[in-house]
Amino acid sequence: MPHVLPNDQEKLALYKTIESKSSLPVGYQMIQCDSISVQQTRNFTWQLSVKSAPEKPRWIIVAFQTDKSGNQEHNPSIFDHCNLTNMFVMLNSRRYPEIDYDDRNFTQQKFSRVYGDAAAF
């Protein structure tokens, strides 16, 4: 959790607010992580749900790992491309990205267009 150290002038203002027993709005970030195990298959659909919270989701991060859960011989911080051929997100009946990519190749590090569009999403 980040810590904020106010200067003396702001400290005095905060102390006065605390002494007056005023309400202080405090923002927070909710983190939700969903994961599933996928059997070897060509197609699968994963429907994500958003738990009720005051914040709207800002990111969708998708990562694949093979044979790393509970295995100390493999590094779980390194993800696998799994020969992924297509992936998209349907959000409010709109598809992101709107088109399929034919020019990406993860083994040859050719995925800059995919990454750029995902970052813009």
PDB file of N, CA and C in Angstrom:
ATOM      1  N   MET A   1       0.853  -1.170   0.000  1.00  0.00           N
ATOM      2  CA  MET A   1       0.000   0.000   0.000  1.00  0.00           C
ATOM      3  C   MET A   1       0.901   1.236   0.000  1.00  0.00           C
ATOM      4  N   PRO A   2       0.673   2.195  -0.894  1.00  0.00           N
ATOM      5  CA  PRO A   2       1.508   3.393  -0.918  1.00  0.00           C
ATOM      6  C   PRO A   2       1.248   4.273   0.300  1.00  0.00           C
ATOM      7  N   HIS A   3       2.285   4.918   0.752  1.00  0.00           N
ATOM      8  CA  HIS A   3       2.184   5.848   1.874  1.00  0.00           C
ATOM      9  C   HIS A   3       2.405   7.259   1.362  1.00  0.00           C
ATOM     10  N   VAL A   4       1.620   8.188   1.872  1.00  0.00           N
ATOM     11  CA  VAL A   4       1.751   9.590   1.507  1.00  0.00           C
ATOM     12  C   VAL A   4       2.189  10.349   2.753  1.00  0.00           C
ATOM     13  N   LEU A   5       3.253  11.121   2.616  1.00  0.00           N
ATOM     14  CA  LEU A   5       3.738  11.940   3.724  1.00  0.00           C
ATOM     15  C   LEU A   5       3.495  13.411   3.389  1.00  0.00           C
ATOM     16  N   PRO A   6       2.482  14.022   4.021  1.00  0.00           N
ATOM     17  CA  PRO A   6       2.174  15.420   3.704  1.00  0.00           C
ATOM     18  C   PRO A   6       3.199  16.367   4.331  1.00  0.00           C
ATOM     19  N   ASN A   7       3.309  17.552   3.730  1.00  0.00           N
ATOM     20  CA  ASN A   7       4.193  18.566   4.327  1.00  0.00           C
ATOM     21  C   ASN A   7       3.505  19.136   5.568  1.00  0.00           C
ATOM     22  N   ASP A   8       4.190  20.003   6.283  1.00  0.00           N
ATOM     23  CA  ASP A   8       3.670  20.517   7.560  1.00  0.00           C
ATOM     24  C   ASP A   8       2.354  21.273   7.401  1.00  0.00           C
ATOM     25  N   GLN A   9       2.232  22.059   6.343  1.00  0.00           N
ATOM     26  CA  GLN A   9       1.001  22.819   6.127  1.00  0.00           C
ATOM     27  C   GLN A   9      -0.187  21.879   5.909  1.00  0.00           C
ATOM     28  N   GLU A  10       0.002  20.824   5.110  1.00  0.00           N
ATOM     29  CA  GLU A  10      -1.070  19.857   4.869  1.00  0.00           C
ATOM     30  C   GLU A  10      -1.362  19.033   6.124  1.00  0.00           C
ATOM     31  N   LYS A  11      -0.317  18.726   6.919  1.00  0.00           N
ATOM     32  CA  LYS A  11      -0.538  17.998   8.177  1.00  0.00           C
ATOM     33  C   LYS A  11      -1.476  18.775   9.087  1.00  0.00           C
ATOM     34  N   LEU A  12      -1.248  20.091   9.206  1.00  0.00           N
ATOM     35  CA  LEU A  12      -2.082  20.927  10.062  1.00  0.00           C
ATOM     36  C   LEU A  12      -3.528  20.906   9.577  1.00  0.00           C
ATOM     37  N   ALA A  13      -3.720  20.996   8.254  1.00  0.00           N
ATOM     38  CA  ALA A  13      -5.076  20.950   7.696  1.00  0.00           C
ATOM     39  C   ALA A  13      -5.724  19.587   7.968  1.00  0.00           C
ATOM     40  N   LEU A  14      -4.958  18.515   7.854  1.00  0.00           N
ATOM     41  CA  LEU A  14      -5.502  17.184   8.141  1.00  0.00           C
ATOM     42  C   LEU A  14      -5.860  17.030   9.621  1.00  0.00           C
ATOM     43  N   TYR A  15      -5.004  17.514  10.500  1.00  0.00           N
ATOM     44  CA  TYR A  15      -5.298  17.433  11.934  1.00  0.00           C
ATOM     45  C   TYR A  15      -6.591  18.179  12.266  1.00  0.00           C
ATOM     46  N   LYS A  16      -6.782  19.353  11.672  1.00  0.00           N
ATOM     47  CA  LYS A  16      -8.011  20.119  11.919  1.00  0.00           C
ATOM     48  C   LYS A  16      -9.232  19.351  11.420  1.00  0.00           C
ATOM     49  N   THR A  17      -9.104  18.695  10.257  1.00  0.00           N
ATOM     50  CA  THR A  17     -10.211  17.910   9.716  1.00  0.00           C
ATOM     51  C   THR A  17     -10.511  16.729  10.629  1.00  0.00           C
ATOM     52  N   ILE A  18      -9.487  16.077  11.131  1.00  0.00           N
ATOM     53  CA  ILE A  18      -9.672  14.928  12.027  1.00  0.00           C
ATOM     54  C   ILE A  18     -10.316  15.371  13.332  1.00  0.00           C
ATOM     55  N   GLU A  19      -9.855  16.505  13.880  1.00  0.00           N
ATOM     56  CA  GLU A  19     -10.421  17.008  15.137  1.00  0.00           C
ATOM     57  C   GLU A  19     -11.888  17.378  14.986  1.00  0.00           C
ATOM     58  N   SER A  20     -12.287  17.832  13.798  1.00  0.00           N
ATOM     59  CA  SER A  20     -13.693  18.201  13.581  1.00  0.00           C
ATOM     60  C   SER A  20     -14.560  16.983  13.292  1.00  0.00           C
ATOM     61  N   LYS A  21     -13.942  15.808  13.247  1.00  0.00           N
ATOM     62  CA  LYS A  21     -14.636  14.536  13.019  1.00  0.00           C
ATOM     63  C   LYS A  21     -15.421  14.530  11.707  1.00  0.00           C
ATOM     64  N   SER A  22     -14.832  15.125  10.678  1.00  0.00           N
ATOM     65  CA  SER A  22     -15.448  15.127   9.347  1.00  0.00           C
ATOM     66  C   SER A  22     -15.199  13.789   8.668  1.00  0.00           C
ATOM     67  N   SER A  23     -16.069  13.472   7.723  1.00  0.00           N
ATOM     68  CA  SER A  23     -15.875  12.263   6.928  1.00  0.00           C
ATOM     69  C   SER A  23     -14.812  12.525   5.870  1.00  0.00           C
ATOM     70  N   LEU A  24     -13.923  11.548   5.690  1.00  0.00           N
ATOM     71  CA  LEU A  24     -12.878  11.662   4.675  1.00  0.00           C
ATOM     72  C   LEU A  24     -13.116  10.601   3.607  1.00  0.00           C
ATOM     73  N   PRO A  25     -13.293  11.015   2.355  1.00  0.00           N
ATOM     74  CA  PRO A  25     -13.434  10.006   1.302  1.00  0.00           C
ATOM     75  C   PRO A  25     -12.086   9.349   1.029  1.00  0.00           C
ATOM     76  N   VAL A  26     -12.063   8.043   1.022  1.00  0.00           N
ATOM     77  CA  VAL A  26     -10.829   7.301   0.793  1.00  0.00           C
ATOM     78  C   VAL A  26     -11.062   6.381  -0.399  1.00  0.00           C
ATOM     79  N   GLY A  27     -10.270   6.556  -1.441  1.00  0.00           N
ATOM     80  CA  GLY A  27     -10.389   5.717  -2.617  1.00  0.00           C
ATOM     81  C   GLY A  27      -9.598   4.430  -2.444  1.00  0.00           C
ATOM     82  N   TYR A  28     -10.023   3.399  -3.105  1.00  0.00           N
ATOM     83  CA  TYR A  28      -9.296   2.136  -3.068  1.00  0.00           C
ATOM     84  C   TYR A  28      -9.449   1.463  -4.418  1.00  0.00           C
ATOM     85  N   GLN A  29      -8.640   0.471  -4.635  1.00  0.00           N
ATOM     86  CA  GLN A  29      -8.691  -0.285  -5.877  1.00  0.00           C
ATOM     87  C   GLN A  29      -9.021  -1.729  -5.542  1.00  0.00           C
ATOM     88  N   MET A  30     -10.076  -2.247  -6.168  1.00  0.00           N
ATOM     89  CA  MET A  30     -10.465  -3.629  -5.957  1.00  0.00           C
ATOM     90  C   MET A  30      -9.776  -4.493  -7.011  1.00  0.00           C
ATOM     91  N   ILE A  31      -9.179  -5.558  -6.591  1.00  0.00           N
ATOM     92  CA  ILE A  31      -8.515  -6.470  -7.519  1.00  0.00           C
ATOM     93  C   ILE A  31      -9.268  -7.793  -7.504  1.00  0.00           C
ATOM     94  N   GLN A  32      -9.576  -8.288  -8.688  1.00  0.00           N
ATOM     95  CA  GLN A  32     -10.275  -9.556  -8.824  1.00  0.00           C
ATOM     96  C   GLN A  32      -9.482 -10.416  -9.789  1.00  0.00           C
ATOM     97  N   CYS A  33      -9.242 -11.642  -9.413  1.00  0.00           N
ATOM     98  CA  CYS A  33      -8.498 -12.563 -10.276  1.00  0.00           C
ATOM     99  C   CYS A  33      -9.314 -13.836 -10.451  1.00  0.00           C
ATOM    100  N   ASP A  34      -9.627 -14.141 -11.688  1.00  0.00           N
ATOM    101  CA  ASP A  34     -10.333 -15.380 -12.009  1.00  0.00           C
ATOM    102  C   ASP A  34      -9.408 -16.237 -12.854  1.00  0.00           C
ATOM    103  N   SER A  35      -9.392 -17.519 -12.587  1.00  0.00           N
ATOM    104  CA  SER A  35      -8.573 -18.415 -13.403  1.00  0.00           C
ATOM    105  C   SER A  35      -9.320 -19.723 -13.601  1.00  0.00           C
ATOM    106  N   ILE A  36      -9.040 -20.365 -14.733  1.00  0.00           N
ATOM    107  CA  ILE A  36      -9.653 -21.653 -15.026  1.00  0.00           C
ATOM    108  C   ILE A  36      -8.600 -22.575 -15.610  1.00  0.00           C
ATOM    109  N   SER A  37      -8.828 -23.856 -15.483  1.00  0.00           N
ATOM    110  CA  SER A  37      -7.985 -24.853 -16.141  1.00  0.00           C
ATOM    111  C   SER A  37      -8.684 -25.272 -17.422  1.00  0.00           C
ATOM    112  N   VAL A  38      -7.962 -25.184 -18.526  1.00  0.00           N
ATOM    113  CA  VAL A  38      -8.532 -25.506 -19.831  1.00  0.00           C
ATOM    114  C   VAL A  38      -7.905 -26.796 -20.317  1.00  0.00           C
ATOM    115  N   GLN A  39      -8.747 -27.742 -20.655  1.00  0.00           N
ATOM    116  CA  GLN A  39      -8.250 -28.979 -21.239  1.00  0.00           C
ATOM    117  C   GLN A  39      -7.787 -28.693 -22.658  1.00  0.00           C
ATOM    118  N   GLN A  40      -6.964 -29.571 -23.214  1.00  0.00           N
ATOM    119  CA  GLN A  40      -6.490 -29.358 -24.576  1.00  0.00           C
ATOM    120  C   GLN A  40      -7.675 -29.363 -25.527  1.00  0.00           C
ATOM    121  N   THR A  41      -7.910 -28.225 -26.135  1.00  0.00           N
ATOM    122  CA  THR A  41      -9.035 -28.065 -27.041  1.00  0.00           C
ATOM    123  C   THR A  41      -8.720 -26.962 -28.034  1.00  0.00           C
ATOM    124  N   ARG A  42      -9.418 -26.914 -29.113  1.00  0.00           N
ATOM    125  CA  ARG A  42      -9.198 -25.877 -30.119  1.00  0.00           C
ATOM    126  C   ARG A  42      -9.968 -24.610 -29.785  1.00  0.00           C
ATOM    127  N   ASN A  43     -11.132 -24.751 -29.175  1.00  0.00           N
ATOM    128  CA  ASN A  43     -11.977 -23.595 -28.877  1.00  0.00           C
ATOM    129  C   ASN A  43     -12.502 -23.686 -27.454  1.00  0.00           C
ATOM    130  N   PHE A  44     -12.571 -22.544 -26.810  1.00  0.00           N
ATOM    131  CA  PHE A  44     -13.284 -22.490 -25.544  1.00  0.00           C
ATOM    132  C   PHE A  44     -13.749 -21.062 -25.308  1.00  0.00           C
ATOM    133  N   THR A  45     -14.815 -20.934 -24.547  1.00  0.00           N
ATOM    134  CA  THR A  45     -15.378 -19.641 -24.201  1.00  0.00           C
ATOM    135  C   THR A  45     -15.316 -19.504 -22.696  1.00  0.00           C
ATOM    136  N   TRP A  46     -14.890 -18.339 -22.251  1.00  0.00           N
ATOM    137  CA  TRP A  46     -14.808 -18.080 -20.824  1.00  0.00           C
ATOM    138  C   TRP A  46     -15.570 -16.798 -20.541  1.00  0.00           C
ATOM    139  N   GLN A  47     -16.651 -16.906 -19.817  1.00  0.00           N
ATOM    140  CA  GLN A  47     -17.445 -15.734 -19.506  1.00  0.00           C
ATOM    141  C   GLN A  47     -17.016 -15.188 -18.154  1.00  0.00           C
ATOM    142  N   LEU A  48     -16.525 -13.965 -18.165  1.00  0.00           N
ATOM    143  CA  LEU A  48     -16.111 -13.299 -16.938  1.00  0.00           C
ATOM    144  C   LEU A  48     -17.280 -12.504 -16.389  1.00  0.00           C
ATOM    145  N   SER A  49     -17.406 -12.501 -15.098  1.00  0.00           N
ATOM    146  CA  SER A  49     -18.441 -11.687 -14.474  1.00  0.00           C
ATOM    147  C   SER A  49     -17.762 -10.675 -13.562  1.00  0.00           C
ATOM    148  N   VAL A  50     -18.392  -9.548 -13.432  1.00  0.00           N
ATOM    149  CA  VAL A  50     -17.854  -8.491 -12.582  1.00  0.00           C
ATOM    150  C   VAL A  50     -18.651  -8.474 -11.293  1.00  0.00           C
ATOM    151  N   LYS A  51     -17.958  -8.620 -10.199  1.00  0.00           N
ATOM    152  CA  LYS A  51     -18.626  -8.559  -8.910  1.00  0.00           C
ATOM    153  C   LYS A  51     -19.069  -7.117  -8.658  1.00  0.00           C
ATOM    154  N   SER A  52     -20.137  -6.951  -7.926  1.00  0.00           N
ATOM    155  CA  SER A  52     -20.632  -5.601  -7.681  1.00  0.00           C
ATOM    156  C   SER A  52     -19.622  -4.833  -6.841  1.00  0.00           C
ATOM    157  N   ALA A  53     -19.256  -3.676  -7.336  1.00  0.00           N
ATOM    158  CA  ALA A  53     -18.275  -2.836  -6.672  1.00  0.00           C
ATOM    159  C   ALA A  53     -18.444  -1.410  -7.178  1.00  0.00           C
ATOM    160  N   PRO A  54     -17.937  -0.452  -6.445  1.00  0.00           N
ATOM    161  CA  PRO A  54     -18.072   0.929  -6.914  1.00  0.00           C
ATOM    162  C   PRO A  54     -17.189   1.227  -8.127  1.00  0.00           C
ATOM    163  N   GLU A  55     -16.183   0.409  -8.382  1.00  0.00           N
ATOM    164  CA  GLU A  55     -15.286   0.657  -9.506  1.00  0.00           C
ATOM    165  C   GLU A  55     -15.663  -0.215 -10.695  1.00  0.00           C
ATOM    166  N   LYS A  56     -15.446   0.309 -11.894  1.00  0.00           N
ATOM    167  CA  LYS A  56     -15.635  -0.463 -13.113  1.00  0.00           C
ATOM    168  C   LYS A  56     -14.306  -1.124 -13.459  1.00  0.00           C
ATOM    169  N   PRO A  57     -14.337  -2.277 -14.108  1.00  0.00           N
ATOM    170  CA  PRO A  57     -13.077  -2.916 -14.496  1.00  0.00           C
ATOM    171  C   PRO A  57     -12.311  -2.049 -15.484  1.00  0.00           C
ATOM    172  N   ARG A  58     -10.994  -1.986 -15.308  1.00  0.00           N
ATOM    173  CA  ARG A  58     -10.155  -1.179 -16.193  1.00  0.00           C
ATOM    174  C   ARG A  58      -9.265  -2.028 -17.079  1.00  0.00           C
ATOM    175  N   TRP A  59      -8.993  -3.261 -16.695  1.00  0.00           N
ATOM    176  CA  TRP A  59      -8.101  -4.118 -17.469  1.00  0.00           C
ATOM    177  C   TRP A  59      -8.654  -5.527 -17.547  1.00  0.00           C
ATOM    178  N   ILE A  60      -8.348  -6.174 -18.639  1.00  0.00           N
ATOM    179  CA  ILE A  60      -8.549  -7.610 -18.772  1.00  0.00           C
ATOM    180  C   ILE A  60      -7.194  -8.162 -19.180  1.00  0.00           C
ATOM    181  N   ILE A  61      -6.612  -8.967 -18.340  1.00  0.00           N
ATOM    182  CA  ILE A  61      -5.296  -9.541 -18.609  1.00  0.00           C
ATOM    183  C   ILE A  61      -5.481 -11.035 -18.803  1.00  0.00           C
ATOM    184  N   VAL A  62      -5.007 -11.536 -19.929  1.00  0.00           N
ATOM    185  CA  VAL A  62      -5.123 -12.957 -20.243  1.00  0.00           C
ATOM    186  C   VAL A  62      -3.717 -13.518 -20.368  1.00  0.00           C
ATOM    187  N   ALA A  63      -3.455 -14.598 -19.675  1.00  0.00           N
ATOM    188  CA  ALA A  63      -2.137 -15.232 -19.729  1.00  0.00           C
ATOM    189  C   ALA A  63      -2.320 -16.742 -19.677  1.00  0.00           C
ATOM    190  N   PHE A  64      -1.425 -17.455 -20.343  1.00  0.00           N
ATOM    191  CA  PHE A  64      -1.497 -18.916 -20.392  1.00  0.00           C
ATOM    192  C   PHE A  64      -0.253 -19.528 -19.768  1.00  0.00           C
ATOM    193  N   GLN A  65      -0.451 -20.620 -19.054  1.00  0.00           N
ATOM    194  CA  GLN A  65       0.651 -21.391 -18.498  1.00  0.00           C
ATOM    195  C   GLN A  65       0.361 -22.867 -18.716  1.00  0.00           C
ATOM    196  N   THR A  66       1.418 -23.617 -18.973  1.00  0.00           N
ATOM    197  CA  THR A  66       1.261 -25.061 -19.132  1.00  0.00           C
ATOM    198  C   THR A  66       2.160 -25.776 -18.126  1.00  0.00           C
ATOM    199  N   ASP A  67       1.570 -26.658 -17.344  1.00  0.00           N
ATOM    200  CA  ASP A  67       2.288 -27.534 -16.414  1.00  0.00           C
ATOM    201  C   ASP A  67       3.163 -26.767 -15.426  1.00  0.00           C
ATOM    202  N   LYS A  68       2.656 -25.668 -14.857  1.00  0.00           N
ATOM    203  CA  LYS A  68       3.457 -24.900 -13.901  1.00  0.00           C
ATOM    204  C   LYS A  68       2.816 -24.824 -12.524  1.00  0.00           C
ATOM    205  N   SER A  69       1.569 -25.190 -12.405  1.00  0.00           N
ATOM    206  CA  SER A  69       0.892 -25.124 -11.127  1.00  0.00           C
ATOM    207  C   SER A  69       1.425 -26.217 -10.200  1.00  0.00           C
ATOM    208  N   GLY A  70       1.998 -25.819  -9.080  1.00  0.00           N
ATOM    209  CA  GLY A  70       2.522 -26.759  -8.115  1.00  0.00           C
ATOM    210  C   GLY A  70       3.813 -27.449  -8.541  1.00  0.00           C
ATOM    211  N   ASN A  71       4.462 -26.955  -9.589  1.00  0.00           N
ATOM    212  CA  ASN A  71       5.697 -27.559 -10.086  1.00  0.00           C
ATOM    213  C   ASN A  71       6.853 -26.594  -9.817  1.00  0.00           C
ATOM    214  N   GLN A  72       7.743 -26.925  -8.891  1.00  0.00           N
ATOM    215  CA  GLN A  72       8.830 -26.026  -8.510  1.00  0.00           C
ATOM    216  C   GLN A  72       9.948 -25.983  -9.541  1.00  0.00           C
ATOM    217  N   GLU A  73       9.937 -26.882 -10.489  1.00  0.00           N
ATOM    218  CA  GLU A  73      10.983 -26.892 -11.505  1.00  0.00           C
ATOM    219  C   GLU A  73      10.715 -25.894 -12.628  1.00  0.00           C
ATOM    220  N   HIS A  74       9.497 -25.354 -12.724  1.00  0.00           N
ATOM    221  CA  HIS A  74       9.144 -24.401 -13.770  1.00  0.00           C
ATOM    222  C   HIS A  74       8.885 -23.035 -13.147  1.00  0.00           C
ATOM    223  N   ASN A  75       9.231 -21.996 -13.879  1.00  0.00           N
ATOM    224  CA  ASN A  75       9.053 -20.630 -13.397  1.00  0.00           C
ATOM    225  C   ASN A  75       7.628 -20.164 -13.710  1.00  0.00           C
ATOM    226  N   PRO A  76       6.774 -19.951 -12.697  1.00  0.00           N
ATOM    227  CA  PRO A  76       5.386 -19.559 -12.960  1.00  0.00           C
ATOM    228  C   PRO A  76       5.238 -18.110 -13.413  1.00  0.00           C
ATOM    229  N   SER A  77       6.303 -17.315 -13.373  1.00  0.00           N
ATOM    230  CA  SER A  77       6.208 -15.931 -13.835  1.00  0.00           C
ATOM    231  C   SER A  77       6.423 -15.811 -15.337  1.00  0.00           C
ATOM    232  N   ILE A  78       6.758 -16.911 -16.001  1.00  0.00           N
ATOM    233  CA  ILE A  78       6.924 -16.915 -17.450  1.00  0.00           C
ATOM    234  C   ILE A  78       5.705 -17.581 -18.062  1.00  0.00           C
ATOM    235  N   PHE A  79       5.029 -16.871 -18.949  1.00  0.00           N
ATOM    236  CA  PHE A  79       3.810 -17.376 -19.546  1.00  0.00           C
ATOM    237  C   PHE A  79       4.095 -17.978 -20.913  1.00  0.00           C
ATOM    238  N   ASP A  80       3.196 -18.818 -21.396  1.00  0.00           N
ATOM    239  CA  ASP A  80       3.353 -19.535 -22.656  1.00  0.00           C
ATOM    240  C   ASP A  80       2.383 -18.985 -23.693  1.00  0.00           C
ATOM    241  N   HIS A  81       2.797 -19.001 -24.967  1.00  0.00           N
ATOM    242  CA  HIS A  81       1.889 -18.533 -26.019  1.00  0.00           C
ATOM    243  C   HIS A  81       0.939 -19.630 -26.471  1.00  0.00           C
ATOM    244  N   CYS A  82       1.247 -20.889 -26.223  1.00  0.00           N
ATOM    245  CA  CYS A  82       0.372 -22.035 -26.478  1.00  0.00           C
ATOM    246  C   CYS A  82      -0.138 -22.089 -27.911  1.00  0.00           C
ATOM    247  N   ASN A  83       0.631 -21.559 -28.859  1.00  0.00           N
ATOM    248  CA  ASN A  83       0.221 -21.533 -30.272  1.00  0.00           C
ATOM    249  C   ASN A  83      -1.167 -20.922 -30.446  1.00  0.00           C
ATOM    250  N   LEU A  84      -1.420 -19.862 -29.722  1.00  0.00           N
ATOM    251  CA  LEU A  84      -2.696 -19.160 -29.789  1.00  0.00           C
ATOM    252  C   LEU A  84      -2.927 -18.655 -31.211  1.00  0.00           C
ATOM    253  N   THR A  85      -4.102 -18.923 -31.750  1.00  0.00           N
ATOM    254  CA  THR A  85      -4.398 -18.480 -33.117  1.00  0.00           C
ATOM    255  C   THR A  85      -5.363 -17.310 -33.150  1.00  0.00           C
ATOM    256  N   ASN A  86      -6.225 -17.172 -32.150  1.00  0.00           N
ATOM    257  CA  ASN A  86      -7.175 -16.066 -32.155  1.00  0.00           C
ATOM    258  C   ASN A  86      -7.704 -15.859 -30.751  1.00  0.00           C
ATOM    259  N   MET A  87      -7.939 -14.611 -30.407  1.00  0.00           N
ATOM    260  CA  MET A  87      -8.530 -14.281 -29.125  1.00  0.00           C
ATOM    261  C   MET A  87      -9.203 -12.933 -29.258  1.00  0.00           C
ATOM    262  N   PHE A  88     -10.378 -12.794 -28.653  1.00  0.00           N
ATOM    263  CA  PHE A  88     -11.050 -11.502 -28.656  1.00  0.00           C
ATOM    264  C   PHE A  88     -11.925 -11.396 -27.419  1.00  0.00           C
ATOM    265  N   VAL A  89     -12.341 -10.179 -27.110  1.00  0.00           N
ATOM    266  CA  VAL A  89     -13.198  -9.894 -25.966  1.00  0.00           C
ATOM    267  C   VAL A  89     -14.503  -9.334 -26.499  1.00  0.00           C
ATOM    268  N   MET A  90     -15.613  -9.868 -26.028  1.00  0.00           N
ATOM    269  CA  MET A  90     -16.927  -9.302 -26.332  1.00  0.00           C
ATOM    270  C   MET A  90     -17.347  -8.494 -25.111  1.00  0.00           C
ATOM    271  N   LEU A  91     -17.505  -7.206 -25.303  1.00  0.00           N
ATOM    272  CA  LEU A  91     -17.867  -6.317 -24.207  1.00  0.00           C
ATOM    273  C   LEU A  91     -19.062  -5.482 -24.650  1.00  0.00           C
ATOM    274  N   ASN A  92     -20.186  -5.653 -23.977  1.00  0.00           N
ATOM    275  CA  ASN A  92     -21.428  -4.954 -24.336  1.00  0.00           C
ATOM    276  C   ASN A  92     -21.774  -5.149 -25.810  1.00  0.00           C
ATOM    277  N   SER A  93     -21.717  -6.369 -26.272  1.00  0.00           N
ATOM    278  CA  SER A  93     -22.031  -6.767 -27.647  1.00  0.00           C
ATOM    279  C   SER A  93     -21.088  -6.163 -28.684  1.00  0.00           C
ATOM    280  N   ARG A  94     -19.932  -5.705 -28.270  1.00  0.00           N
ATOM    281  CA  ARG A  94     -18.933  -5.186 -29.201  1.00  0.00           C
ATOM    282  C   ARG A  94     -17.669  -6.035 -29.074  1.00  0.00           C
ATOM    283  N   ARG A  95     -17.088  -6.373 -30.213  1.00  0.00           N
ATOM    284  CA  ARG A  95     -15.917  -7.242 -30.246  1.00  0.00           C
ATOM    285  C   ARG A  95     -14.645  -6.408 -30.285  1.00  0.00           C
ATOM    286  N   TYR A  96     -13.662  -6.783 -29.452  1.00  0.00           N
ATOM    287  CA  TYR A  96     -12.341  -6.147 -29.441  1.00  0.00           C
ATOM    288  C   TYR A  96     -11.287  -7.226 -29.589  1.00  0.00           C
ATOM    289  N   PRO A  97     -10.416  -7.212 -30.529  1.00  0.00           N
ATOM    290  CA  PRO A  97     -10.402  -6.339 -31.703  1.00  0.00           C
ATOM    291  C   PRO A  97     -11.512  -6.758 -32.663  1.00  0.00           C
ATOM    292  N   GLU A  98     -11.860  -5.845 -33.534  1.00  0.00           N
ATOM    293  CA  GLU A  98     -12.967  -6.110 -34.454  1.00  0.00           C
ATOM    294  C   GLU A  98     -12.603  -7.102 -35.548  1.00  0.00           C
ATOM    295  N   ILE A  99     -11.308  -7.268 -35.827  1.00  0.00           N
ATOM    296  CA  ILE A  99     -10.876  -8.167 -36.897  1.00  0.00           C
ATOM    297  C   ILE A  99      -9.897  -9.196 -36.336  1.00  0.00           C
ATOM    298  N   ASP A 100      -9.736 -10.290 -37.070  1.00  0.00           N
ATOM    299  CA  ASP A 100      -8.734 -11.294 -36.715  1.00  0.00           C
ATOM    300  C   ASP A 100      -7.388 -10.873 -37.297  1.00  0.00           C
ATOM    301  N   TYR A 101      -6.314 -11.298 -36.651  1.00  0.00           N
ATOM    302  CA  TYR A 101      -4.963 -10.970 -37.118  1.00  0.00           C
ATOM    303  C   TYR A 101      -4.359 -12.182 -37.815  1.00  0.00           C
ATOM    304  N   ASP A 102      -3.832 -11.965 -39.002  1.00  0.00           N
ATOM    305  CA  ASP A 102      -3.178 -13.034 -39.744  1.00  0.00           C
ATOM    306  C   ASP A 102      -1.663 -12.923 -39.701  1.00  0.00           C
ATOM    307  N   ASP A 103      -1.137 -11.782 -39.243  1.00  0.00           N
ATOM    308  CA  ASP A 103       0.301 -11.519 -39.321  1.00  0.00           C
ATOM    309  C   ASP A 103       1.038 -11.697 -38.002  1.00  0.00           C
ATOM    310  N   ARG A 104       0.443 -12.314 -37.001  1.00  0.00           N
ATOM    311  CA  ARG A 104       1.142 -12.468 -35.725  1.00  0.00           C
ATOM    312  C   ARG A 104       1.772 -13.862 -35.641  1.00  0.00           C
ATOM    313  N   ASN A 105       2.919 -13.888 -34.967  1.00  0.00           N
ATOM    314  CA  ASN A 105       3.634 -15.148 -34.769  1.00  0.00           C
ATOM    315  C   ASN A 105       4.425 -14.995 -33.480  1.00  0.00           C
ATOM    316  N   PHE A 106       3.993 -15.661 -32.424  1.00  0.00           N
ATOM    317  CA  PHE A 106       4.624 -15.498 -31.124  1.00  0.00           C
ATOM    318  C   PHE A 106       6.026 -16.094 -31.081  1.00  0.00           C
ATOM    319  N   THR A 107       6.260 -17.186 -31.770  1.00  0.00           N
ATOM    320  CA  THR A 107       7.587 -17.803 -31.722  1.00  0.00           C
ATOM    321  C   THR A 107       8.634 -16.938 -32.415  1.00  0.00           C
ATOM    322  N   GLN A 108       8.223 -16.119 -33.388  1.00  0.00           N
ATOM    323  CA  GLN A 108       9.154 -15.219 -34.071  1.00  0.00           C
ATOM    324  C   GLN A 108       9.050 -13.787 -33.556  1.00  0.00           C
ATOM    325  N   GLN A 109       8.360 -13.586 -32.438  1.00  0.00           N
ATOM    326  CA  GLN A 109       8.207 -12.274 -31.797  1.00  0.00           C
ATOM    327  C   GLN A 109       7.495 -11.259 -32.710  1.00  0.00           C
ATOM    328  N   LYS A 110       6.547 -11.702 -33.503  1.00  0.00           N
ATOM    329  CA  LYS A 110       5.792 -10.811 -34.386  1.00  0.00           C
ATOM    330  C   LYS A 110       4.379 -10.641 -33.828  1.00  0.00           C
ATOM    331  N   PHE A 111       4.258  -9.739 -32.871  1.00  0.00           N
ATOM    332  CA  PHE A 111       2.946  -9.512 -32.275  1.00  0.00           C
ATOM    333  C   PHE A 111       2.756  -8.060 -31.873  1.00  0.00           C
ATOM    334  N   SER A 112       3.521  -7.142 -32.467  1.00  0.00           N
ATOM    335  CA  SER A 112       3.443  -5.734 -32.072  1.00  0.00           C
ATOM    336  C   SER A 112       2.078  -5.124 -32.400  1.00  0.00           C
ATOM    337  N   ARG A 113       1.472  -5.501 -33.526  1.00  0.00           N
ATOM    338  CA  ARG A 113       0.157  -4.966 -33.886  1.00  0.00           C
ATOM    339  C   ARG A 113      -0.904  -5.434 -32.887  1.00  0.00           C
ATOM    340  N   VAL A 114      -0.828  -6.694 -32.512  1.00  0.00           N
ATOM    341  CA  VAL A 114      -1.768  -7.238 -31.524  1.00  0.00           C
ATOM    342  C   VAL A 114      -1.595  -6.501 -30.192  1.00  0.00           C
ATOM    343  N   TYR A 115      -0.343  -6.319 -29.784  1.00  0.00           N
ATOM    344  CA  TYR A 115      -0.072  -5.636 -28.516  1.00  0.00           C
ATOM    345  C   TYR A 115      -0.553  -4.190 -28.557  1.00  0.00           C
ATOM    346  N   GLY A 116      -0.302  -3.501 -29.673  1.00  0.00           N
ATOM    347  CA  GLY A 116      -0.734  -2.109 -29.810  1.00  0.00           C
ATOM    348  C   GLY A 116      -2.239  -1.954 -29.720  1.00  0.00           C
ATOM    349  N   ASP A 117      -2.965  -2.836 -30.391  1.00  0.00           N
ATOM    350  CA  ASP A 117      -4.424  -2.779 -30.337  1.00  0.00           C
ATOM    351  C   ASP A 117      -4.950  -3.144 -28.951  1.00  0.00           C
ATOM    352  N   ALA A 118      -4.304  -4.092 -28.294  1.00  0.00           N
ATOM    353  CA  ALA A 118      -4.721  -4.462 -26.937  1.00  0.00           C
ATOM    354  C   ALA A 118      -4.476  -3.314 -25.975  1.00  0.00           C
ATOM    355  N   ALA A 119      -3.367  -2.614 -26.141  1.00  0.00           N
ATOM    356  CA  ALA A 119      -3.070  -1.472 -25.274  1.00  0.00           C
ATOM    357  C   ALA A 119      -4.077  -0.335 -25.511  1.00  0.00           C
ATOM    358  N   ALA A 120      -4.507  -0.154 -26.770  1.00  0.00           N
ATOM    359  CA  ALA A 120      -5.480   0.888 -27.085  1.00  0.00           C
ATOM    360  C   ALA A 120      -6.875   0.525 -26.600  1.00  0.00           C
ATOM    361  N   PHE A 121      -7.168  -0.782 -26.467  1.00  0.00           N
ATOM    362  CA  PHE A 121      -8.471  -1.239 -26.018  1.00  0.00           C
ATOM    363  C   PHE A 121      -8.775  -0.692 -24.646  1.00  0.00           C
TER     364      PHE A 121
END
